[in-house]
Structures are given as structure tokens and as C-alpha cells.
Amino acid sequence: MIQIRVVFSVIAFFGSMLIASAALSIDGYRYAIVLKPSDDSRGVQSRLSTEIEKSGLKIFSSADSLSPDDRLLTCRIEVSQYGGLTQYCHLSVRDLVSDKPICETTESCRARFGIAACITGSIEKAWRAVKYRGFDESAHRQNTEHLVESRPKINLEALKPADGEGDSILGEWLDPDSGDRLIVVPAPSGERSNFVAAIVSTKSTLWQKGEIKAEIQVASKGKTYSLDWYGPYKQRSGTVMTMDENGNILRFDIQKDDGISKHYTWLRKSADR
């Protein structure tokens, strides 16, 4: 589950206003997605994207090509433009994964050289007000701490050989898509599940060795299980997991936010894998 506490500070001067989150820093992002306004006849999306890229943020048109780790480095920017001789640009910057606010600002511009110049001027002023100073690794770590809660851990070094033997689901497994190695062991006392799957190794920067990735409950006789699975950002999803007849493959499907199901396969870890 993704949680965040947001405290706002407000700075107002000369008719402009910046609302910034005290929890998330804009400097914790490498990438941005700029949403196109419903009416973009004046090319506001393109003008704003140009200003943003000058400051060092890389623009993506969508999140489809971004890895789970890169999504945590990405903010989403909504822009609206309005006015007459005085033009106003409103920017709302939000975290891509959690949709939590980073900052919001409205800036105005009134120039002698026509509305087009006023639009450009207000966009430039609005982005300057966001105060992006370049990517900062410490700011990214701080953002991640606010966005992603740590999961309970088990001590892998303290496991005995018997902890991975006996029931057919126990032992080490490999997720070939992510490269994650997991070990399924009996659930700690007090847990409602029969088994847990803990991270042995992973390429993800969000997961740590020993963290519980899944909670598994025997659903019926045979090789069917109820699964509470924790995704890339440690959000919980409930589903059903099945094992093949030979006991070497686990399969389950997780429905994503867009309604499309993603299929997962775990392979039993062998000496050559």
C-alpha cells in the first residue's frame, strides 16, 4: 500500500502562487510526462515541454515504456492556459506512481508583443517557479521513503534446511521475467497464511533481501493456493495461484490498474538455474 503524508507551504507574491509539498521534492525526478490540455490550439504542451527539457528533465509521451524503477523517477505535469491580454499558466506537478502532489503554481504575463508572447512568457515563468534544480539522488531516496512502505522481513540466514522441504510449494523459486529469486517457507507464527515467499535476490531498488513478497494460503486439496501478492511498489493484490502436476511451475494473474491482467510464472529453482 502506498501512503504519504503531505504538508503544504504557500508562497504568494506579486499575484503568483506556489504550493509545494513538504514531503516530495521535484529534484527527486529524472523524467516527466506532460499531459496535453483539452484545448491545445496554441501549442502549450509543446512550449512547456521545451522549457522543461532545457532544465534537464527528459520528456516521455507515456509511461508504457518505463520500468517500475523509472516510474518512481517520473512526475506527471498538467498544464492549463487561459486569459486575454494578460495570460495565465497553471501547472500541477504530481508523482506518477502515487498521484500525490509535488507542487502547483500559477503565473501570469502581460507583454507588449501580443498574446503569443504572453503565453510563452507565462509558461516560462510558471516552470521557473517550480524551481527544478536538476536530479538529486538524496531527494529521490527521500521521495521513495515517503511513497513506498517497507515490508515485513524474515531472517534468511536463520532458516534451517527443513524450512524449505516437506510441502511441495516450499523451496526456492525464480521469476524469469523480473529475475527475482524467492524462497517459500512456512509463515511466521501469528500469520494467517500458511506460507510466505521472501526475496532472496532482486534487481529492484525498492525491495530488500528477506522482505515478504507474497503470502500464500492453501485454498483446497491439490495444488491451488490463495495468494496475496505485493507488486513493484508493494501494493497488495489478491489472486489464485496454481502449481503444475510436476510441482515445478507456479502460475498466477494480477490485474493491473488499466484492467489488463499480467501473467506471472515462477519456476522451481534447480542447480542449473
C-alpha atoms as a PDB file:
ATOM      1  CA  MET A   1       0.000   0.000   0.000  1.00  0.00           C
ATOM      2  CA  ILE A   2       1.327   3.394  -0.927  1.00  0.00           C
ATOM      3  CA  GLN A   3       0.897   6.053   1.695  1.00  0.00           C
ATOM      4  CA  ILE A   4       2.161   9.602   2.020  1.00  0.00           C
ATOM      5  CA  ARG A   5       1.607  12.489   4.373  1.00  0.00           C
ATOM      6  CA  VAL A   6       1.546  15.853   2.642  1.00  0.00           C
ATOM      7  CA  VAL A   7       2.008  19.199   4.334  1.00  0.00           C
ATOM      8  CA  PHE A   8       1.663  22.282   2.153  1.00  0.00           C
ATOM      9  CA  SER A   9       3.546  25.527   2.361  1.00  0.00           C
ATOM     10  CA  VAL A  10       2.230  28.507   0.425  1.00  0.00           C
ATOM     11  CA  ILE A  11       4.299  31.332  -1.001  1.00  0.00           C
ATOM     12  CA  ALA A  12       2.434  34.203  -2.613  1.00  0.00           C
ATOM     13  CA  PHE A  13       3.977  37.217  -4.267  1.00  0.00           C
ATOM     14  CA  PHE A  14       3.038  39.721  -6.975  1.00  0.00           C
ATOM     15  CA  GLY A  15      -0.151  37.820  -7.875  1.00  0.00           C
ATOM     16  CA  SER A  16       1.533  34.437  -8.314  1.00  0.00           C
ATOM     17  CA  MET A  17       1.306  31.455  -6.019  1.00  0.00           C
ATOM     18  CA  LEU A  18       3.430  28.353  -5.465  1.00  0.00           C
ATOM     19  CA  ILE A  19       2.028  25.452  -3.445  1.00  0.00           C
ATOM     20  CA  ALA A  20       4.751  22.911  -2.667  1.00  0.00           C
ATOM     21  CA  SER A  21       4.621  19.552  -0.933  1.00  0.00           C
ATOM     22  CA  ALA A  22       6.806  19.273   2.141  1.00  0.00           C
ATOM     23  CA  ALA A  23       7.062  15.508   1.574  1.00  0.00           C
ATOM     24  CA  LEU A  24       8.085  15.253  -2.084  1.00  0.00           C
ATOM     25  CA  SER A  25      10.872  17.116  -3.848  1.00  0.00           C
ATOM     26  CA  ILE A  26      10.740  17.962  -7.560  1.00  0.00           C
ATOM     27  CA  ASP A  27      14.525  17.380  -7.623  1.00  0.00           C
ATOM     28  CA  GLY A  28      13.886  13.667  -6.991  1.00  0.00           C
ATOM     29  CA  TYR A  29      12.745  13.146 -10.593  1.00  0.00           C
ATOM     30  CA  ARG A  30      14.618  12.465 -13.838  1.00  0.00           C
ATOM     31  CA  TYR A  31      11.647  12.179 -16.200  1.00  0.00           C
ATOM     32  CA  ALA A  32       8.348  13.928 -16.852  1.00  0.00           C
ATOM     33  CA  ILE A  33       5.149  13.252 -18.746  1.00  0.00           C
ATOM     34  CA  VAL A  34       3.397  16.433 -19.897  1.00  0.00           C
ATOM     35  CA  LEU A  35      -0.329  15.926 -20.391  1.00  0.00           C
ATOM     36  CA  LYS A  36      -1.925  17.619 -23.358  1.00  0.00           C
ATOM     37  CA  PRO A  37      -4.649  20.166 -22.446  1.00  0.00           C
ATOM     38  CA  SER A  38      -8.151  19.516 -23.785  1.00  0.00           C
ATOM     39  CA  ASP A  39      -7.720  22.603 -25.984  1.00  0.00           C
ATOM     40  CA  ASP A  40      -4.137  22.913 -27.180  1.00  0.00           C
ATOM     41  CA  SER A  41      -4.687  25.083 -30.214  1.00  0.00           C
ATOM     42  CA  ARG A  42      -1.839  27.367 -29.101  1.00  0.00           C
ATOM     43  CA  GLY A  43       0.666  24.525 -28.680  1.00  0.00           C
ATOM     44  CA  VAL A  44       1.038  24.890 -24.922  1.00  0.00           C
ATOM     45  CA  GLN A  45       2.140  21.266 -24.393  1.00  0.00           C
ATOM     46  CA  SER A  46       4.997  21.631 -26.887  1.00  0.00           C
ATOM     47  CA  ARG A  47       6.115  25.015 -25.496  1.00  0.00           C
ATOM     48  CA  LEU A  48       6.124  23.727 -21.924  1.00  0.00           C
ATOM     49  CA  SER A  49       7.972  20.525 -22.908  1.00  0.00           C
ATOM     50  CA  THR A  50      10.697  22.636 -24.487  1.00  0.00           C
ATOM     51  CA  GLU A  51      11.153  24.641 -21.276  1.00  0.00           C
ATOM     52  CA  ILE A  52      11.189  21.502 -19.148  1.00  0.00           C
ATOM     53  CA  GLU A  53      13.816  19.761 -21.270  1.00  0.00           C
ATOM     54  CA  LYS A  54      16.048  22.834 -21.048  1.00  0.00           C
ATOM     55  CA  SER A  55      16.170  22.280 -17.281  1.00  0.00           C
ATOM     56  CA  GLY A  56      17.324  18.663 -17.662  1.00  0.00           C
ATOM     57  CA  LEU A  57      14.132  16.626 -17.237  1.00  0.00           C
ATOM     58  CA  LYS A  58      13.625  14.080 -20.012  1.00  0.00           C
ATOM     59  CA  ILE A  59      10.118  14.053 -21.503  1.00  0.00           C
ATOM     60  CA  PHE A  60       8.192  10.831 -22.202  1.00  0.00           C
ATOM     61  CA  SER A  61       4.872  10.776 -24.031  1.00  0.00           C
ATOM     62  CA  SER A  62       3.507   7.974 -21.822  1.00  0.00           C
ATOM     63  CA  ALA A  63       4.521   5.601 -19.032  1.00  0.00           C
ATOM     64  CA  ASP A  64       4.187   2.469 -21.178  1.00  0.00           C
ATOM     65  CA  SER A  65       7.906   2.141 -21.884  1.00  0.00           C
ATOM     66  CA  LEU A  66       9.050   2.943 -18.331  1.00  0.00           C
ATOM     67  CA  SER A  67      10.310   0.244 -15.962  1.00  0.00           C
ATOM     68  CA  PRO A  68       8.892   0.093 -12.392  1.00  0.00           C
ATOM     69  CA  ASP A  69      12.034   1.785 -11.069  1.00  0.00           C
ATOM     70  CA  ASP A  70      11.913   4.520 -13.736  1.00  0.00           C
ATOM     71  CA  ARG A  71       8.270   5.248 -12.909  1.00  0.00           C
ATOM     72  CA  LEU A  72       9.390   6.263  -9.432  1.00  0.00           C
ATOM     73  CA  LEU A  73      11.692   8.774 -11.135  1.00  0.00           C
ATOM     74  CA  THR A  74       8.849  10.265 -13.173  1.00  0.00           C
ATOM     75  CA  CYS A  75       6.469  13.121 -12.467  1.00  0.00           C
ATOM     76  CA  ARG A  76       3.283  13.970 -14.341  1.00  0.00           C
ATOM     77  CA  ILE A  77       2.635  17.595 -15.306  1.00  0.00           C
ATOM     78  CA  GLU A  78      -0.787  19.047 -16.111  1.00  0.00           C
ATOM     79  CA  VAL A  79      -0.952  22.478 -17.727  1.00  0.00           C
ATOM     80  CA  SER A  80      -3.785  24.890 -18.378  1.00  0.00           C
ATOM     81  CA  GLN A  81      -3.543  28.221 -20.177  1.00  0.00           C
ATOM     82  CA  TYR A  82      -6.112  30.999 -20.084  1.00  0.00           C
ATOM     83  CA  GLY A  83      -6.574  34.776 -20.247  1.00  0.00           C
ATOM     84  CA  GLY A  84      -6.655  37.618 -22.733  1.00  0.00           C
ATOM     85  CA  LEU A  85      -4.092  40.425 -22.899  1.00  0.00           C
ATOM     86  CA  THR A  86      -2.802  39.018 -19.614  1.00  0.00           C
ATOM     87  CA  GLN A  87      -2.105  35.286 -19.973  1.00  0.00           C
ATOM     88  CA  TYR A  88      -2.055  32.826 -17.073  1.00  0.00           C
ATOM     89  CA  CYS A  89      -0.294  29.457 -16.959  1.00  0.00           C
ATOM     90  CA  HIS A  90      -1.257  26.955 -14.277  1.00  0.00           C
ATOM     91  CA  LEU A  91       0.981  23.936 -13.635  1.00  0.00           C
ATOM     92  CA  SER A  92       0.151  20.962 -11.441  1.00  0.00           C
ATOM     93  CA  VAL A  93       3.049  18.551 -10.860  1.00  0.00           C
ATOM     94  CA  ARG A  94       2.249  15.133  -9.368  1.00  0.00           C
ATOM     95  CA  ASP A  95       4.084  11.898  -8.690  1.00  0.00           C
ATOM     96  CA  LEU A  96       3.368   9.398 -11.464  1.00  0.00           C
ATOM     97  CA  VAL A  97       3.040   6.292  -9.272  1.00  0.00           C
ATOM     98  CA  SER A  98       1.022   7.583  -6.324  1.00  0.00           C
ATOM     99  CA  ASP A  99      -0.637  10.626  -7.950  1.00  0.00           C
ATOM    100  CA  LYS A 100       0.422  12.608  -4.889  1.00  0.00           C
ATOM    101  CA  PRO A 101       1.044  16.365  -5.392  1.00  0.00           C
ATOM    102  CA  ILE A 102       4.577  17.713  -5.667  1.00  0.00           C
ATOM    103  CA  CYS A 103       3.835  21.356  -6.398  1.00  0.00           C
ATOM    104  CA  GLU A 104       1.347  23.654  -8.081  1.00  0.00           C
ATOM    105  CA  THR A 105       1.779  27.163  -9.428  1.00  0.00           C
ATOM    106  CA  THR A 106       0.001  29.851 -11.444  1.00  0.00           C
ATOM    107  CA  GLU A 107       1.986  32.581 -13.176  1.00  0.00           C
ATOM    108  CA  SER A 108       0.901  35.476 -15.364  1.00  0.00           C
ATOM    109  CA  CYS A 109       2.472  37.521 -18.121  1.00  0.00           C
ATOM    110  CA  ARG A 110       1.382  40.757 -19.840  1.00  0.00           C
ATOM    111  CA  ALA A 111       3.635  41.907 -22.681  1.00  0.00           C
ATOM    112  CA  ARG A 112       3.530  44.461 -25.471  1.00  0.00           C
ATOM    113  CA  PHE A 113       4.202  41.947 -28.213  1.00  0.00           C
ATOM    114  CA  GLY A 114       0.886  40.142 -28.450  1.00  0.00           C
ATOM    115  CA  ILE A 115      -0.884  37.184 -26.896  1.00  0.00           C
ATOM    116  CA  ALA A 116       1.560  34.611 -28.295  1.00  0.00           C
ATOM    117  CA  ALA A 117       4.434  36.299 -26.444  1.00  0.00           C
ATOM    118  CA  CYS A 118       2.324  36.465 -23.279  1.00  0.00           C
ATOM    119  CA  ILE A 119       1.627  32.726 -23.485  1.00  0.00           C
ATOM    120  CA  THR A 120       5.309  31.919 -23.867  1.00  0.00           C
ATOM    121  CA  GLY A 121       6.216  34.298 -21.056  1.00  0.00           C
ATOM    122  CA  SER A 122       3.688  32.842 -18.634  1.00  0.00           C
ATOM    123  CA  ILE A 123       4.852  29.286 -19.398  1.00  0.00           C
ATOM    124  CA  GLU A 124       8.493  30.233 -18.813  1.00  0.00           C
ATOM    125  CA  LYS A 125       7.617  31.964 -15.536  1.00  0.00           C
ATOM    126  CA  ALA A 126       5.486  29.046 -14.354  1.00  0.00           C
ATOM    127  CA  TRP A 127       8.235  26.498 -14.939  1.00  0.00           C
ATOM    128  CA  ARG A 128      10.847  28.725 -13.278  1.00  0.00           C
ATOM    129  CA  ALA A 129       8.534  28.947 -10.251  1.00  0.00           C
ATOM    130  CA  VAL A 130       8.644  25.133  -9.910  1.00  0.00           C
ATOM    131  CA  LYS A 131      12.369  25.552  -9.147  1.00  0.00           C
ATOM    132  CA  TYR A 132      13.694  22.331 -10.622  1.00  0.00           C
ATOM    133  CA  ARG A 133      17.459  22.379  -9.965  1.00  0.00           C
ATOM    134  CA  GLY A 134      18.343  19.052 -11.545  1.00  0.00           C
ATOM    135  CA  PHE A 135      18.109  15.449 -10.407  1.00  0.00           C
ATOM    136  CA  ASP A 136      19.323  14.812  -6.858  1.00  0.00           C
ATOM    137  CA  GLU A 137      19.807  11.238  -5.650  1.00  0.00           C
ATOM    138  CA  SER A 138      19.195  12.087  -1.989  1.00  0.00           C
ATOM    139  CA  ALA A 139      15.912  13.809  -2.919  1.00  0.00           C
ATOM    140  CA  HIS A 140      14.870  10.691  -4.838  1.00  0.00           C
ATOM    141  CA  ARG A 141      15.628   8.456  -1.826  1.00  0.00           C
ATOM    142  CA  GLN A 142      13.603  10.753   0.401  1.00  0.00           C
ATOM    143  CA  ASN A 143      10.685  10.660  -2.042  1.00  0.00           C
ATOM    144  CA  THR A 144      10.829   6.857  -2.161  1.00  0.00           C
ATOM    145  CA  GLU A 145      10.759   6.597   1.627  1.00  0.00           C
ATOM    146  CA  HIS A 146       7.525   8.587   1.657  1.00  0.00           C
ATOM    147  CA  LEU A 147       5.941   6.718  -1.232  1.00  0.00           C
ATOM    148  CA  VAL A 148       6.815   3.076  -0.567  1.00  0.00           C
ATOM    149  CA  GLU A 149       6.483   1.430   2.829  1.00  0.00           C
ATOM    150  CA  SER A 150       8.888  -1.347   3.829  1.00  0.00           C
ATOM    151  CA  ARG A 151       7.505  -4.878   4.048  1.00  0.00           C
ATOM    152  CA  PRO A 152       7.963  -7.334   6.944  1.00  0.00           C
ATOM    153  CA  LYS A 153      11.139  -9.394   6.714  1.00  0.00           C
ATOM    154  CA  ILE A 154      12.286 -12.866   7.589  1.00  0.00           C
ATOM    155  CA  ASN A 155      15.869 -13.714   8.503  1.00  0.00           C
ATOM    156  CA  LEU A 156      17.064 -15.851   5.600  1.00  0.00           C
ATOM    157  CA  GLU A 157      20.337 -16.697   7.325  1.00  0.00           C
ATOM    158  CA  ALA A 158      18.428 -18.234  10.238  1.00  0.00           C
ATOM    159  CA  LEU A 159      16.414 -20.613   8.026  1.00  0.00           C
ATOM    160  CA  LYS A 160      17.044 -24.306   8.550  1.00  0.00           C
ATOM    161  CA  PRO A 161      17.122 -26.812   5.683  1.00  0.00           C
ATOM    162  CA  ALA A 162      13.788 -28.190   6.858  1.00  0.00           C
ATOM    163  CA  ASP A 163      12.203 -24.789   6.293  1.00  0.00           C
ATOM    164  CA  GLY A 164      12.449 -25.372   2.565  1.00  0.00           C
ATOM    165  CA  GLU A 165      11.427 -29.027   2.496  1.00  0.00           C
ATOM    166  CA  GLY A 166       8.293 -31.057   3.110  1.00  0.00           C
ATOM    167  CA  ASP A 167       5.345 -29.405   1.367  1.00  0.00           C
ATOM    168  CA  SER A 168       5.647 -29.299  -2.418  1.00  0.00           C
ATOM    169  CA  ILE A 169       5.471 -25.480  -2.571  1.00  0.00           C
ATOM    170  CA  LEU A 170       8.370 -24.957  -0.182  1.00  0.00           C
ATOM    171  CA  GLY A 171      11.813 -24.114  -1.536  1.00  0.00           C
ATOM    172  CA  GLU A 172      13.406 -21.615  -3.921  1.00  0.00           C
ATOM    173  CA  TRP A 173      11.667 -20.188  -6.974  1.00  0.00           C
ATOM    174  CA  LEU A 174      12.711 -17.951  -9.863  1.00  0.00           C
ATOM    175  CA  ASP A 175      10.601 -15.292 -11.599  1.00  0.00           C
ATOM    176  CA  PRO A 176      12.207 -15.333 -15.070  1.00  0.00           C
ATOM    177  CA  ASP A 177      10.621 -12.025 -16.138  1.00  0.00           C
ATOM    178  CA  SER A 178      11.943  -9.905 -13.267  1.00  0.00           C
ATOM    179  CA  GLY A 179      14.923 -12.076 -12.329  1.00  0.00           C
ATOM    180  CA  ASP A 180      13.698 -12.205  -8.719  1.00  0.00           C
ATOM    181  CA  ARG A 181      14.722 -15.220  -6.660  1.00  0.00           C
ATOM    182  CA  LEU A 182      12.311 -16.098  -3.852  1.00  0.00           C
ATOM    183  CA  ILE A 183      12.081 -18.710  -1.144  1.00  0.00           C
ATOM    184  CA  VAL A 184       8.780 -20.099   0.102  1.00  0.00           C
ATOM    185  CA  VAL A 185       8.841 -21.057   3.777  1.00  0.00           C
ATOM    186  CA  PRO A 186       6.236 -21.703   6.481  1.00  0.00           C
ATOM    187  CA  ALA A 187       4.631 -18.450   7.601  1.00  0.00           C
ATOM    188  CA  PRO A 188       5.903 -16.967  10.884  1.00  0.00           C
ATOM    189  CA  SER A 189       3.733 -17.716  13.909  1.00  0.00           C
ATOM    190  CA  GLY A 190       0.731 -15.427  14.169  1.00  0.00           C
ATOM    191  CA  GLU A 191       0.357 -15.034  10.395  1.00  0.00           C
ATOM    192  CA  ARG A 192      -2.967 -16.046   8.875  1.00  0.00           C
ATOM    193  CA  SER A 193      -1.278 -17.537   5.799  1.00  0.00           C
ATOM    194  CA  ASN A 194       0.299 -20.997   5.617  1.00  0.00           C
ATOM    195  CA  PHE A 195       3.408 -19.865   3.750  1.00  0.00           C
ATOM    196  CA  VAL A 196       5.287 -16.717   2.758  1.00  0.00           C
ATOM    197  CA  ALA A 197       7.571 -16.016  -0.205  1.00  0.00           C
ATOM    198  CA  ALA A 198      10.568 -13.847   0.693  1.00  0.00           C
ATOM    199  CA  ILE A 199      13.044 -12.081  -1.584  1.00  0.00           C
ATOM    200  CA  VAL A 200      16.390 -13.870  -1.902  1.00  0.00           C
ATOM    201  CA  SER A 201      17.742 -11.551  -4.591  1.00  0.00           C
ATOM    202  CA  THR A 202      16.256  -8.890  -6.883  1.00  0.00           C
ATOM    203  CA  LYS A 203      17.210  -6.185  -9.368  1.00  0.00           C
ATOM    204  CA  SER A 204      14.611  -3.802  -7.934  1.00  0.00           C
ATOM    205  CA  THR A 205      15.856  -0.887  -5.853  1.00  0.00           C
ATOM    206  CA  LEU A 206      12.603  -0.926  -3.846  1.00  0.00           C
ATOM    207  CA  TRP A 207      12.772  -4.458  -2.493  1.00  0.00           C
ATOM    208  CA  GLN A 208      15.275  -5.749   0.038  1.00  0.00           C
ATOM    209  CA  LYS A 209      16.560  -9.222   0.773  1.00  0.00           C
ATOM    210  CA  GLY A 210      14.253 -11.024   3.190  1.00  0.00           C
ATOM    211  CA  GLU A 211      11.176  -8.846   2.577  1.00  0.00           C
ATOM    212  CA  ILE A 212       7.956 -10.831   2.210  1.00  0.00           C
ATOM    213  CA  LYS A 213       6.793 -10.613  -1.407  1.00  0.00           C
ATOM    214  CA  ALA A 214       3.773 -12.908  -1.105  1.00  0.00           C
ATOM    215  CA  GLU A 215       1.548 -14.563   1.471  1.00  0.00           C
ATOM    216  CA  ILE A 216       0.191 -17.971   0.475  1.00  0.00           C
ATOM    217  CA  GLN A 217      -2.782 -19.869   1.848  1.00  0.00           C
ATOM    218  CA  VAL A 218      -3.780 -23.416   0.910  1.00  0.00           C
ATOM    219  CA  ALA A 219      -7.098 -22.949  -0.923  1.00  0.00           C
ATOM    220  CA  SER A 220      -8.183 -26.552  -1.464  1.00  0.00           C
ATOM    221  CA  LYS A 221      -6.864 -30.050  -1.826  1.00  0.00           C
ATOM    222  CA  GLY A 222      -4.433 -30.377  -4.655  1.00  0.00           C
ATOM    223  CA  LYS A 223      -2.163 -27.610  -5.836  1.00  0.00           C
ATOM    224  CA  THR A 224      -4.270 -24.460  -5.667  1.00  0.00           C
ATOM    225  CA  TYR A 225      -3.465 -21.561  -3.340  1.00  0.00           C
ATOM    226  CA  SER A 226      -4.875 -18.177  -2.371  1.00  0.00           C
ATOM    227  CA  LEU A 227      -2.179 -15.558  -2.949  1.00  0.00           C
ATOM    228  CA  ASP A 228      -1.686 -12.077  -1.518  1.00  0.00           C
ATOM    229  CA  TRP A 229       0.963 -10.685  -3.845  1.00  0.00           C
ATOM    230  CA  TYR A 230       2.815  -7.394  -3.351  1.00  0.00           C
ATOM    231  CA  GLY A 231       3.669  -5.630  -6.589  1.00  0.00           C
ATOM    232  CA  PRO A 232       6.554  -3.423  -7.734  1.00  0.00           C
ATOM    233  CA  TYR A 233       5.511  -0.624  -5.344  1.00  0.00           C
ATOM    234  CA  LYS A 234       4.464  -3.062  -2.584  1.00  0.00           C
ATOM    235  CA  GLN A 235       0.770  -2.659  -3.267  1.00  0.00           C
ATOM    236  CA  ARG A 236      -1.294  -5.754  -2.394  1.00  0.00           C
ATOM    237  CA  SER A 237      -3.281  -7.784  -4.925  1.00  0.00           C
ATOM    238  CA  GLY A 238      -5.289 -10.896  -4.189  1.00  0.00           C
ATOM    239  CA  THR A 239      -5.453 -13.757  -6.681  1.00  0.00           C
ATOM    240  CA  VAL A 240      -5.302 -17.550  -7.086  1.00  0.00           C
ATOM    241  CA  MET A 241      -2.053 -19.413  -7.749  1.00  0.00           C
ATOM    242  CA  THR A 242      -1.804 -22.875  -9.216  1.00  0.00           C
ATOM    243  CA  MET A 243       1.019 -25.397  -9.387  1.00  0.00           C
ATOM    244  CA  ASP A 244       1.636 -27.756 -12.294  1.00  0.00           C
ATOM    245  CA  GLU A 245       1.360 -31.516 -11.818  1.00  0.00           C
ATOM    246  CA  ASN A 246       5.123 -31.952 -11.512  1.00  0.00           C
ATOM    247  CA  GLY A 247       5.410 -29.294  -8.803  1.00  0.00           C
ATOM    248  CA  ASN A 248       7.940 -27.222 -10.748  1.00  0.00           C
ATOM    249  CA  ILE A 249       5.873 -24.270 -12.009  1.00  0.00           C
ATOM    250  CA  LEU A 250       3.630 -21.766 -10.201  1.00  0.00           C
ATOM    251  CA  ARG A 251       1.263 -19.562 -12.205  1.00  0.00           C
ATOM    252  CA  PHE A 252      -0.983 -16.623 -11.340  1.00  0.00           C
ATOM    253  CA  ASP A 253      -2.504 -13.497 -12.912  1.00  0.00           C
ATOM    254  CA  ILE A 254      -2.606  -9.969 -11.458  1.00  0.00           C
ATOM    255  CA  GLN A 255      -4.985  -7.321 -12.760  1.00  0.00           C
ATOM    256  CA  LYS A 256      -3.230  -4.002 -13.389  1.00  0.00           C
ATOM    257  CA  ASP A 257      -4.685  -0.519 -12.919  1.00  0.00           C
ATOM    258  CA  ASP A 258      -5.644  -0.359 -16.605  1.00  0.00           C
ATOM    259  CA  GLY A 259      -7.779  -3.507 -16.185  1.00  0.00           C
ATOM    260  CA  ILE A 260      -5.417  -5.724 -18.173  1.00  0.00           C
ATOM    261  CA  SER A 261      -4.174  -8.876 -16.432  1.00  0.00           C
ATOM    262  CA  LYS A 262      -0.476  -9.662 -16.282  1.00  0.00           C
ATOM    263  CA  HIS A 263       0.547 -13.309 -16.170  1.00  0.00           C
ATOM    264  CA  TYR A 264       3.293 -14.429 -13.788  1.00  0.00           C
ATOM    265  CA  THR A 265       5.235 -17.676 -13.767  1.00  0.00           C
ATOM    266  CA  TRP A 266       7.601 -18.898 -11.059  1.00  0.00           C
ATOM    267  CA  LEU A 267       9.989 -21.738 -11.860  1.00  0.00           C
ATOM    268  CA  ARG A 268      11.349 -24.020  -9.181  1.00  0.00           C
ATOM    269  CA  LYS A 269      14.993 -23.186  -8.587  1.00  0.00           C
ATOM    270  CA  SER A 270      17.286 -26.017  -9.612  1.00  0.00           C
ATOM    271  CA  ALA A 271      21.034 -26.445  -9.523  1.00  0.00           C
ATOM    272  CA  ASP A 272      21.376 -25.147 -13.091  1.00  0.00           C
ATOM    273  CA  ARG A 273      19.095 -22.101 -12.589  1.00  0.00           C
END
